[in-house]
Amino acid sequence: MLLGRDVQEQDGKLVVYSESHLLSSGGDDVMIGPRHTEKIFGLDMRRDGKLRDSGYGAGLVMFLLPIAVADQTDIRFKRMNTAGQHFFRCGR
Protein backbone atom coordinates (compact mmCIF):
# COMPACT_ATOMS: atom_id res chain seq x y z
CA MET A 1 0.00 0.00 0.00
CA LEU A 2 1.26 3.47 -0.89
CA LEU A 3 1.50 5.53 2.28
CA GLY A 4 3.61 8.53 2.98
CA ARG A 5 3.62 12.24 3.46
CA ASP A 6 0.68 12.95 1.11
CA VAL A 7 -1.51 9.85 1.60
CA GLN A 8 -2.39 8.14 4.88
CA GLU A 9 -4.46 5.03 5.63
CA GLN A 10 -7.24 5.35 8.21
CA ASP A 11 -9.73 2.52 8.94
CA GLY A 12 -9.20 0.95 5.50
CA LYS A 13 -9.66 4.27 3.65
CA LEU A 14 -7.09 6.52 2.01
CA VAL A 15 -6.97 10.04 3.42
CA VAL A 16 -5.85 12.09 0.41
CA TYR A 17 -6.13 15.52 2.04
CA SER A 18 -6.68 16.63 5.62
CA GLU A 19 -6.23 20.13 7.01
CA SER A 20 -7.20 21.76 10.30
CA HIS A 21 -6.89 25.33 11.49
CA LEU A 22 -7.49 26.66 14.97
CA LEU A 23 -7.88 30.37 14.24
CA SER A 24 -7.07 31.29 10.62
CA SER A 25 -5.69 29.69 7.47
CA GLY A 26 -3.75 32.76 6.36
CA GLY A 27 -3.66 36.51 5.92
CA ASP A 28 -6.45 36.66 3.32
CA ASP A 29 -8.87 34.54 5.39
CA VAL A 30 -12.16 36.30 6.28
CA MET A 31 -13.19 33.80 8.98
CA ILE A 32 -11.62 33.53 12.43
CA GLY A 33 -12.29 30.22 14.20
CA PRO A 34 -11.62 26.47 14.10
CA ARG A 35 -12.20 24.46 10.92
CA HIS A 36 -11.38 21.09 9.39
CA THR A 37 -11.37 19.91 5.76
CA GLU A 38 -10.63 16.42 4.39
CA LYS A 39 -10.86 14.24 1.27
CA ILE A 40 -11.13 10.48 1.82
CA PHE A 41 -11.15 7.76 -0.86
CA GLY A 42 -12.58 4.32 -0.07
CA LEU A 43 -15.12 1.69 -1.08
CA ASP A 44 -18.86 1.80 -0.39
CA MET A 45 -21.10 -1.15 0.56
CA ARG A 46 -21.35 -2.30 -3.10
CA ARG A 47 -17.52 -2.22 -3.44
CA ASP A 48 -17.70 0.81 -5.76
CA GLY A 49 -15.20 3.62 -5.27
CA LYS A 50 -16.25 6.68 -3.27
CA LEU A 51 -14.55 10.03 -2.71
CA ARG A 52 -15.89 11.99 0.27
CA ASP A 53 -15.11 15.69 0.49
CA SER A 54 -16.16 17.12 3.85
CA GLY A 55 -15.53 20.11 6.02
CA TYR A 56 -16.84 22.03 8.98
CA GLY A 57 -16.06 25.18 10.88
CA ALA A 58 -17.35 27.81 13.27
CA GLY A 59 -16.31 31.34 14.03
CA LEU A 60 -16.66 35.00 13.13
CA VAL A 61 -16.77 36.34 9.58
CA MET A 62 -15.10 39.76 9.30
CA PHE A 63 -15.05 39.89 13.14
CA LEU A 64 -18.81 40.57 13.01
CA LEU A 65 -21.06 37.71 11.91
CA PRO A 66 -21.01 34.46 13.93
CA ILE A 67 -21.45 31.32 11.80
CA ALA A 68 -21.29 27.54 11.99
CA VAL A 69 -21.05 25.58 8.72
CA ALA A 70 -20.72 21.95 7.63
CA ASP A 71 -20.65 20.38 4.17
CA GLN A 72 -20.19 16.88 2.76
CA THR A 73 -20.08 15.74 -0.86
CA ASP A 74 -19.83 12.11 -2.01
CA ILE A 75 -18.62 11.21 -5.51
CA ARG A 76 -19.11 7.57 -6.53
CA PHE A 77 -17.12 5.63 -9.12
CA LYS A 78 -19.02 2.66 -10.56
CA ARG A 79 -16.98 -0.54 -10.54
CA MET A 80 -16.65 -2.18 -13.95
CA ASN A 81 -17.51 -5.86 -14.18
CA THR A 82 -14.38 -7.45 -15.62
CA ALA A 83 -15.04 -11.09 -14.70
CA GLY A 84 -14.04 -13.45 -17.48
CA GLN A 85 -12.44 -10.78 -19.67
CA HIS A 86 -8.87 -11.01 -20.82
CA PHE A 87 -7.48 -7.55 -21.46
CA PHE A 88 -4.64 -8.74 -23.71
CA ARG A 89 -7.31 -9.84 -26.24
CA CYS A 90 -9.18 -6.53 -26.34
CA GLY A 91 -7.15 -5.15 -29.25
CA ARG A 92 -7.65 -8.16 -31.50
C-alpha atoms as a PDB file:
ATOM      1  CA  MET A   1       0.000   0.000   0.000  1.00  0.00           C
ATOM      2  CA  LEU A   2       1.258   3.472  -0.892  1.00  0.00           C
ATOM      3  CA  LEU A   3       1.504   5.529   2.276  1.00  0.00           C
ATOM      4  CA  GLY A   4       3.609   8.530   2.976  1.00  0.00           C
ATOM      5  CA  ARG A   5       3.615  12.241   3.457  1.00  0.00           C
ATOM      6  CA  ASP A   6       0.676  12.948   1.113  1.00  0.00           C
ATOM      7  CA  VAL A   7      -1.508   9.846   1.596  1.00  0.00           C
ATOM      8  CA  GLN A   8      -2.393   8.144   4.877  1.00  0.00           C
ATOM      9  CA  GLU A   9      -4.458   5.030   5.629  1.00  0.00           C
ATOM     10  CA  GLN A  10      -7.244   5.349   8.207  1.00  0.00           C
ATOM     11  CA  ASP A  11      -9.733   2.524   8.940  1.00  0.00           C
ATOM     12  CA  GLY A  12      -9.199   0.951   5.504  1.00  0.00           C
ATOM     13  CA  LYS A  13      -9.657   4.270   3.650  1.00  0.00           C
ATOM     14  CA  LEU A  14      -7.093   6.517   2.010  1.00  0.00           C
ATOM     15  CA  VAL A  15      -6.971  10.039   3.418  1.00  0.00           C
ATOM     16  CA  VAL A  16      -5.853  12.085   0.413  1.00  0.00           C
ATOM     17  CA  TYR A  17      -6.127  15.522   2.038  1.00  0.00           C
ATOM     18  CA  SER A  18      -6.683  16.631   5.623  1.00  0.00           C
ATOM     19  CA  GLU A  19      -6.232  20.125   7.007  1.00  0.00           C
ATOM     20  CA  SER A  20      -7.201  21.755  10.304  1.00  0.00           C
ATOM     21  CA  HIS A  21      -6.888  25.334  11.494  1.00  0.00           C
ATOM     22  CA  LEU A  22      -7.488  26.656  14.971  1.00  0.00           C
ATOM     23  CA  LEU A  23      -7.877  30.368  14.237  1.00  0.00           C
ATOM     24  CA  SER A  24      -7.071  31.293  10.621  1.00  0.00           C
ATOM     25  CA  SER A  25      -5.690  29.691   7.470  1.00  0.00           C
ATOM     26  CA  GLY A  26      -3.749  32.761   6.356  1.00  0.00           C
ATOM     27  CA  GLY A  27      -3.660  36.511   5.923  1.00  0.00           C
ATOM     28  CA  ASP A  28      -6.455  36.655   3.316  1.00  0.00           C
ATOM     29  CA  ASP A  29      -8.872  34.545   5.393  1.00  0.00           C
ATOM     30  CA  VAL A  30     -12.160  36.302   6.285  1.00  0.00           C
ATOM     31  CA  MET A  31     -13.185  33.800   8.983  1.00  0.00           C
ATOM     32  CA  ILE A  32     -11.619  33.526  12.428  1.00  0.00           C
ATOM     33  CA  GLY A  33     -12.288  30.219  14.196  1.00  0.00           C
ATOM     34  CA  PRO A  34     -11.625  26.471  14.097  1.00  0.00           C
ATOM     35  CA  ARG A  35     -12.203  24.463  10.919  1.00  0.00           C
ATOM     36  CA  HIS A  36     -11.384  21.086   9.387  1.00  0.00           C
ATOM     37  CA  THR A  37     -11.366  19.906   5.759  1.00  0.00           C
ATOM     38  CA  GLU A  38     -10.630  16.423   4.385  1.00  0.00           C
ATOM     39  CA  LYS A  39     -10.863  14.243   1.274  1.00  0.00           C
ATOM     40  CA  ILE A  40     -11.127  10.478   1.816  1.00  0.00           C
ATOM     41  CA  PHE A  41     -11.147   7.755  -0.857  1.00  0.00           C
ATOM     42  CA  GLY A  42     -12.582   4.325  -0.068  1.00  0.00           C
ATOM     43  CA  LEU A  43     -15.124   1.693  -1.081  1.00  0.00           C
ATOM     44  CA  ASP A  44     -18.860   1.797  -0.394  1.00  0.00           C
ATOM     45  CA  MET A  45     -21.099  -1.153   0.563  1.00  0.00           C
ATOM     46  CA  ARG A  46     -21.350  -2.297  -3.102  1.00  0.00           C
ATOM     47  CA  ARG A  47     -17.515  -2.216  -3.441  1.00  0.00           C
ATOM     48  CA  ASP A  48     -17.699   0.812  -5.759  1.00  0.00           C
ATOM     49  CA  GLY A  49     -15.205   3.621  -5.267  1.00  0.00           C
ATOM     50  CA  LYS A  50     -16.247   6.675  -3.274  1.00  0.00           C
ATOM     51  CA  LEU A  51     -14.545  10.030  -2.709  1.00  0.00           C
ATOM     52  CA  ARG A  52     -15.886  11.993   0.268  1.00  0.00           C
ATOM     53  CA  ASP A  53     -15.108  15.694   0.492  1.00  0.00           C
ATOM     54  CA  SER A  54     -16.160  17.121   3.850  1.00  0.00           C
ATOM     55  CA  GLY A  55     -15.532  20.114   6.015  1.00  0.00           C
ATOM     56  CA  TYR A  56     -16.844  22.031   8.981  1.00  0.00           C
ATOM     57  CA  GLY A  57     -16.062  25.177  10.878  1.00  0.00           C
ATOM     58  CA  ALA A  58     -17.352  27.814  13.266  1.00  0.00           C
ATOM     59  CA  GLY A  59     -16.306  31.344  14.033  1.00  0.00           C
ATOM     60  CA  LEU A  60     -16.661  34.998  13.125  1.00  0.00           C
ATOM     61  CA  VAL A  61     -16.769  36.344   9.577  1.00  0.00           C
ATOM     62  CA  MET A  62     -15.101  39.759   9.302  1.00  0.00           C
ATOM     63  CA  PHE A  63     -15.055  39.894  13.139  1.00  0.00           C
ATOM     64  CA  LEU A  64     -18.805  40.571  13.014  1.00  0.00           C
ATOM     65  CA  LEU A  65     -21.057  37.714  11.905  1.00  0.00           C
ATOM     66  CA  PRO A  66     -21.014  34.464  13.934  1.00  0.00           C
ATOM     67  CA  ILE A  67     -21.455  31.325  11.800  1.00  0.00           C
ATOM     68  CA  ALA A  68     -21.291  27.542  11.986  1.00  0.00           C
ATOM     69  CA  VAL A  69     -21.050  25.576   8.725  1.00  0.00           C
ATOM     70  CA  ALA A  70     -20.722  21.950   7.629  1.00  0.00           C
ATOM     71  CA  ASP A  71     -20.651  20.381   4.171  1.00  0.00           C
ATOM     72  CA  GLN A  72     -20.193  16.882   2.764  1.00  0.00           C
ATOM     73  CA  THR A  73     -20.083  15.739  -0.857  1.00  0.00           C
ATOM     74  CA  ASP A  74     -19.831  12.110  -2.014  1.00  0.00           C
ATOM     75  CA  ILE A  75     -18.624  11.212  -5.513  1.00  0.00           C
ATOM     76  CA  ARG A  76     -19.107   7.573  -6.529  1.00  0.00           C
ATOM     77  CA  PHE A  77     -17.121   5.632  -9.122  1.00  0.00           C
ATOM     78  CA  LYS A  78     -19.018   2.663 -10.564  1.00  0.00           C
ATOM     79  CA  ARG A  79     -16.985  -0.537 -10.545  1.00  0.00           C
ATOM     80  CA  MET A  80     -16.651  -2.178 -13.951  1.00  0.00           C
ATOM     81  CA  ASN A  81     -17.506  -5.859 -14.183  1.00  0.00           C
ATOM     82  CA  THR A  82     -14.379  -7.453 -15.624  1.00  0.00           C
ATOM     83  CA  ALA A  83     -15.037 -11.085 -14.696  1.00  0.00           C
ATOM     84  CA  GLY A  84     -14.044 -13.449 -17.482  1.00  0.00           C
ATOM     85  CA  GLN A  85     -12.440 -10.777 -19.669  1.00  0.00           C
ATOM     86  CA  HIS A  86      -8.865 -11.010 -20.822  1.00  0.00           C
ATOM     87  CA  PHE A  87      -7.481  -7.555 -21.464  1.00  0.00           C
ATOM     88  CA  PHE A  88      -4.641  -8.736 -23.707  1.00  0.00           C
ATOM     89  CA  ARG A  89      -7.313  -9.836 -26.240  1.00  0.00           C
ATOM     90  CA  CYS A  90      -9.181  -6.530 -26.343  1.00  0.00           C
ATOM     91  CA  GLY A  91      -7.149  -5.149 -29.255  1.00  0.00           C
ATOM     92  CA  ARG A  92      -7.652  -8.156 -31.499  1.00  0.00           C
END
